[in-house]
Each structure stands twice: as structure tokens, then as C-alpha cells.
């Protein structure tokens, strides 16, 4: 699905959906899968918080945050921790959605709750990476 199709189907503004394209990290990961895995593992073990290229000015206008990420080494990429540590999520709902290749949500829901203790973390949706193109029904259950 394109960003336009998702925004129309789920009534989410295209600008909100495009935010993920703008975030990025200053030091990009390798495009080689195995090197990227090694880099992600090292970041996690060293508890590194990579600097993001861009931040939203604020998140005050949002009551519900849809947080989408891949499950790396049993949790979120460290860049997602950077994002979560940057903002005040007090009183907000966080809906985690992750893609995985067998680990499900891993410990990411717990890690979000620990990182954002004043937010309400909703039950997450784990999407098997190989079935990501066919997950409309699952997304509709959590987004509508």
C-alpha cells in the first residue's frame, strides 16, 4: 500500500505517516543484512542512543502515538529508544506495531512501558515480516 492509500483507508494524515521517512539516523546502518545485524546488536549491548536526523517540533497535539518498528534482537532498534526518550508521553496512548521474523513483540512492549512510564502502552500488534503485505485485517483491528 502507498502512503496515500494508507492515509485514506485509516484516516491518518499523510504528513503523520511520512514522519518516519524524515527521522533517519545520523550514522546510517549498513545495507548488508549481516553487518546491519551486527551493528544493531552492538548498539543494544552498549546501550547507545543514536542521534536522529530530525525531530517533530512537539507531540502535544497527539493523544495516540502509533509506533511502528522492526523487532531487532528482541526489542526495538535503539533509534526508537532515542525517539521515546526525546518526548514527554505523559497521558498519551502508545500503540506498538512491529515487524518480526519469529520473535513477535519480543520485550518491546515492556521496554516502551519502562521508557515511557506515564504513557498507556496498548497491546501491540506483531506482524510477521513475510506477511507484511497481507496484514490489512490485523491493521484494521488496531487502527479502526
Protein backbone atom coordinates (compact mmCIF):
# COMPACT_ATOMS: atom_id res chain seq x y z
CA UNK A 1 0.00 0.00 0.00
CA UNK A 2 1.16 3.52 -0.68
CA UNK A 3 1.22 6.27 1.96
CA UNK A 4 -1.75 7.88 0.20
CA UNK A 5 -3.77 4.64 0.29
CA UNK A 6 -2.99 4.04 3.98
CA UNK A 7 -3.84 7.63 4.91
CA UNK A 8 -7.18 7.45 3.10
CA UNK A 9 -8.07 3.99 4.38
CA UNK A 10 -7.26 4.71 8.04
CA UNK A 11 -7.93 8.48 8.13
CA UNK A 12 -4.36 9.25 9.12
CA UNK A 13 -2.80 12.37 7.65
CA UNK A 14 -0.13 11.72 5.01
CA UNK A 15 2.21 14.10 6.89
CA UNK A 16 1.93 11.96 10.01
CA UNK A 17 2.69 8.82 8.04
CA UNK A 18 5.59 10.46 6.25
CA UNK A 19 7.31 11.39 9.51
CA UNK A 20 9.08 8.05 9.55
CA UNK A 21 10.74 8.93 6.24
CA UNK A 22 12.21 12.09 7.73
CA UNK A 23 13.53 10.77 11.04
CA UNK A 24 16.52 8.72 9.98
CA UNK A 25 19.69 8.44 11.99
CA UNK A 26 22.83 10.47 11.57
CA UNK A 27 25.04 7.39 11.16
CA UNK A 28 23.16 5.04 8.83
CA UNK A 29 23.19 1.27 9.24
CA UNK A 30 24.93 -0.92 6.71
CA UNK A 31 22.79 -2.04 3.78
CA UNK A 32 24.32 -5.51 4.17
CA UNK A 33 21.89 -7.53 6.30
CA UNK A 34 24.53 -9.33 8.38
CA UNK A 35 26.56 -6.18 9.04
CA UNK A 36 23.37 -4.32 9.97
CA UNK A 37 22.52 -7.10 12.45
CA UNK A 38 25.98 -6.81 14.00
CA UNK A 39 25.68 -3.01 14.23
CA UNK A 40 22.24 -3.23 15.84
CA UNK A 41 23.43 -5.84 18.35
CA UNK A 42 26.45 -3.74 19.32
CA UNK A 43 24.27 -0.63 19.77
CA UNK A 44 21.93 -2.55 22.03
CA UNK A 45 24.71 -4.14 24.08
CA UNK A 46 26.38 -0.73 24.53
CA UNK A 47 23.02 0.95 25.25
CA UNK A 48 23.80 3.51 22.54
CA UNK A 49 21.12 6.00 21.61
CA UNK A 50 21.90 7.04 18.03
CA UNK A 51 21.19 10.64 17.18
CA UNK A 52 18.21 11.17 14.89
CA UNK A 53 18.40 13.47 11.87
CA UNK A 54 15.03 15.11 12.53
CA UNK A 55 12.57 15.53 15.36
CA UNK A 56 8.98 16.66 15.42
CA UNK A 57 8.73 20.14 16.98
CA UNK A 58 6.45 18.61 19.64
CA UNK A 59 3.85 15.88 20.08
CA UNK A 60 1.39 17.85 22.19
CA UNK A 61 -1.35 17.65 19.55
CA UNK A 62 -1.29 13.82 19.50
CA UNK A 63 -3.20 11.72 22.03
CA UNK A 64 -2.38 8.38 20.44
CA UNK A 65 1.03 7.54 19.04
CA UNK A 66 1.26 4.68 16.56
CA UNK A 67 4.82 3.44 16.95
CA UNK A 68 5.94 1.17 14.12
CA UNK A 69 9.33 -0.53 14.15
CA UNK A 70 11.12 -3.79 13.38
CA UNK A 71 11.93 -6.13 16.25
CA UNK A 72 15.72 -6.26 16.45
CA UNK A 73 17.38 -8.55 18.97
CA UNK A 74 14.15 -8.96 20.92
CA UNK A 75 13.12 -5.32 21.17
CA UNK A 76 13.02 -2.02 19.28
CA UNK A 77 16.00 -0.55 17.44
CA UNK A 78 17.98 1.81 19.65
CA UNK A 79 16.88 4.73 17.43
CA UNK A 80 13.32 4.14 18.66
CA UNK A 81 14.57 4.46 22.24
CA UNK A 82 16.15 7.79 21.18
CA UNK A 83 12.77 8.92 19.86
CA UNK A 84 10.92 7.82 23.01
CA UNK A 85 13.43 9.49 25.31
CA UNK A 86 13.15 12.78 23.42
CA UNK A 87 9.47 13.47 24.13
CA UNK A 88 7.07 13.65 27.06
CA UNK A 89 4.44 10.92 26.61
CA UNK A 90 2.52 11.71 29.80
CA UNK A 91 -1.16 10.85 29.37
CA UNK A 92 -0.70 9.58 25.82
CA UNK A 93 -1.54 6.15 24.44
CA UNK A 94 1.16 4.31 22.54
CA UNK A 95 0.12 1.62 20.07
CA UNK A 96 3.18 -0.51 19.23
CA UNK A 97 3.27 -2.29 15.88
CA UNK A 98 6.34 -4.28 15.00
CA UNK A 99 7.53 -6.49 12.21
CA UNK A 100 9.49 -9.59 13.12
CA UNK A 101 10.82 -12.85 11.75
CA UNK A 102 9.81 -15.08 14.66
CA UNK A 103 10.20 -13.15 17.90
CA UNK A 104 6.79 -11.46 17.93
CA UNK A 105 6.77 -8.32 20.07
CA UNK A 106 9.80 -9.59 21.97
CA UNK A 107 10.20 -7.44 25.08
CA UNK A 108 9.41 -4.20 23.23
CA UNK A 109 6.05 -3.55 24.94
CA UNK A 110 7.74 -3.81 28.34
CA UNK A 111 10.62 -1.62 27.16
CA UNK A 112 8.19 1.05 25.92
CA UNK A 113 6.38 1.00 29.28
CA UNK A 114 9.69 1.33 31.14
CA UNK A 115 10.89 4.13 28.86
CA UNK A 116 7.54 6.00 28.94
CA UNK A 117 6.13 5.24 32.41
CA UNK A 118 3.50 8.00 32.24
CA UNK A 119 2.01 6.73 28.97
CA UNK A 120 -0.54 3.98 28.50
CA UNK A 121 1.01 1.28 26.33
CA UNK A 122 -1.67 -0.59 24.40
CA UNK A 123 -1.39 -4.25 23.46
CA UNK A 124 0.88 -4.34 20.46
CA UNK A 125 0.48 -5.90 17.06
CA UNK A 126 3.27 -8.17 15.83
CA UNK A 127 3.38 -8.65 12.07
CA UNK A 128 5.45 -11.46 10.62
CA UNK A 129 7.76 -9.75 8.12
CA UNK A 130 6.97 -12.21 5.36
CA UNK A 131 3.25 -11.48 5.70
CA UNK A 132 3.55 -7.68 5.99
CA UNK A 133 2.00 -7.19 2.55
CA UNK A 134 -1.10 -9.15 3.62
CA UNK A 135 -1.84 -7.72 7.07
CA UNK A 136 -4.76 -5.41 6.28
CA UNK A 137 -7.20 -7.23 8.58
CA UNK A 138 -4.81 -7.10 11.53
CA UNK A 139 -4.08 -3.39 10.97
CA UNK A 140 -7.78 -2.61 10.68
CA UNK A 141 -8.40 -4.26 14.06
CA UNK A 142 -5.96 -1.95 15.81
CA UNK A 143 -6.30 1.24 13.74
CA UNK A 144 -10.06 1.47 13.26
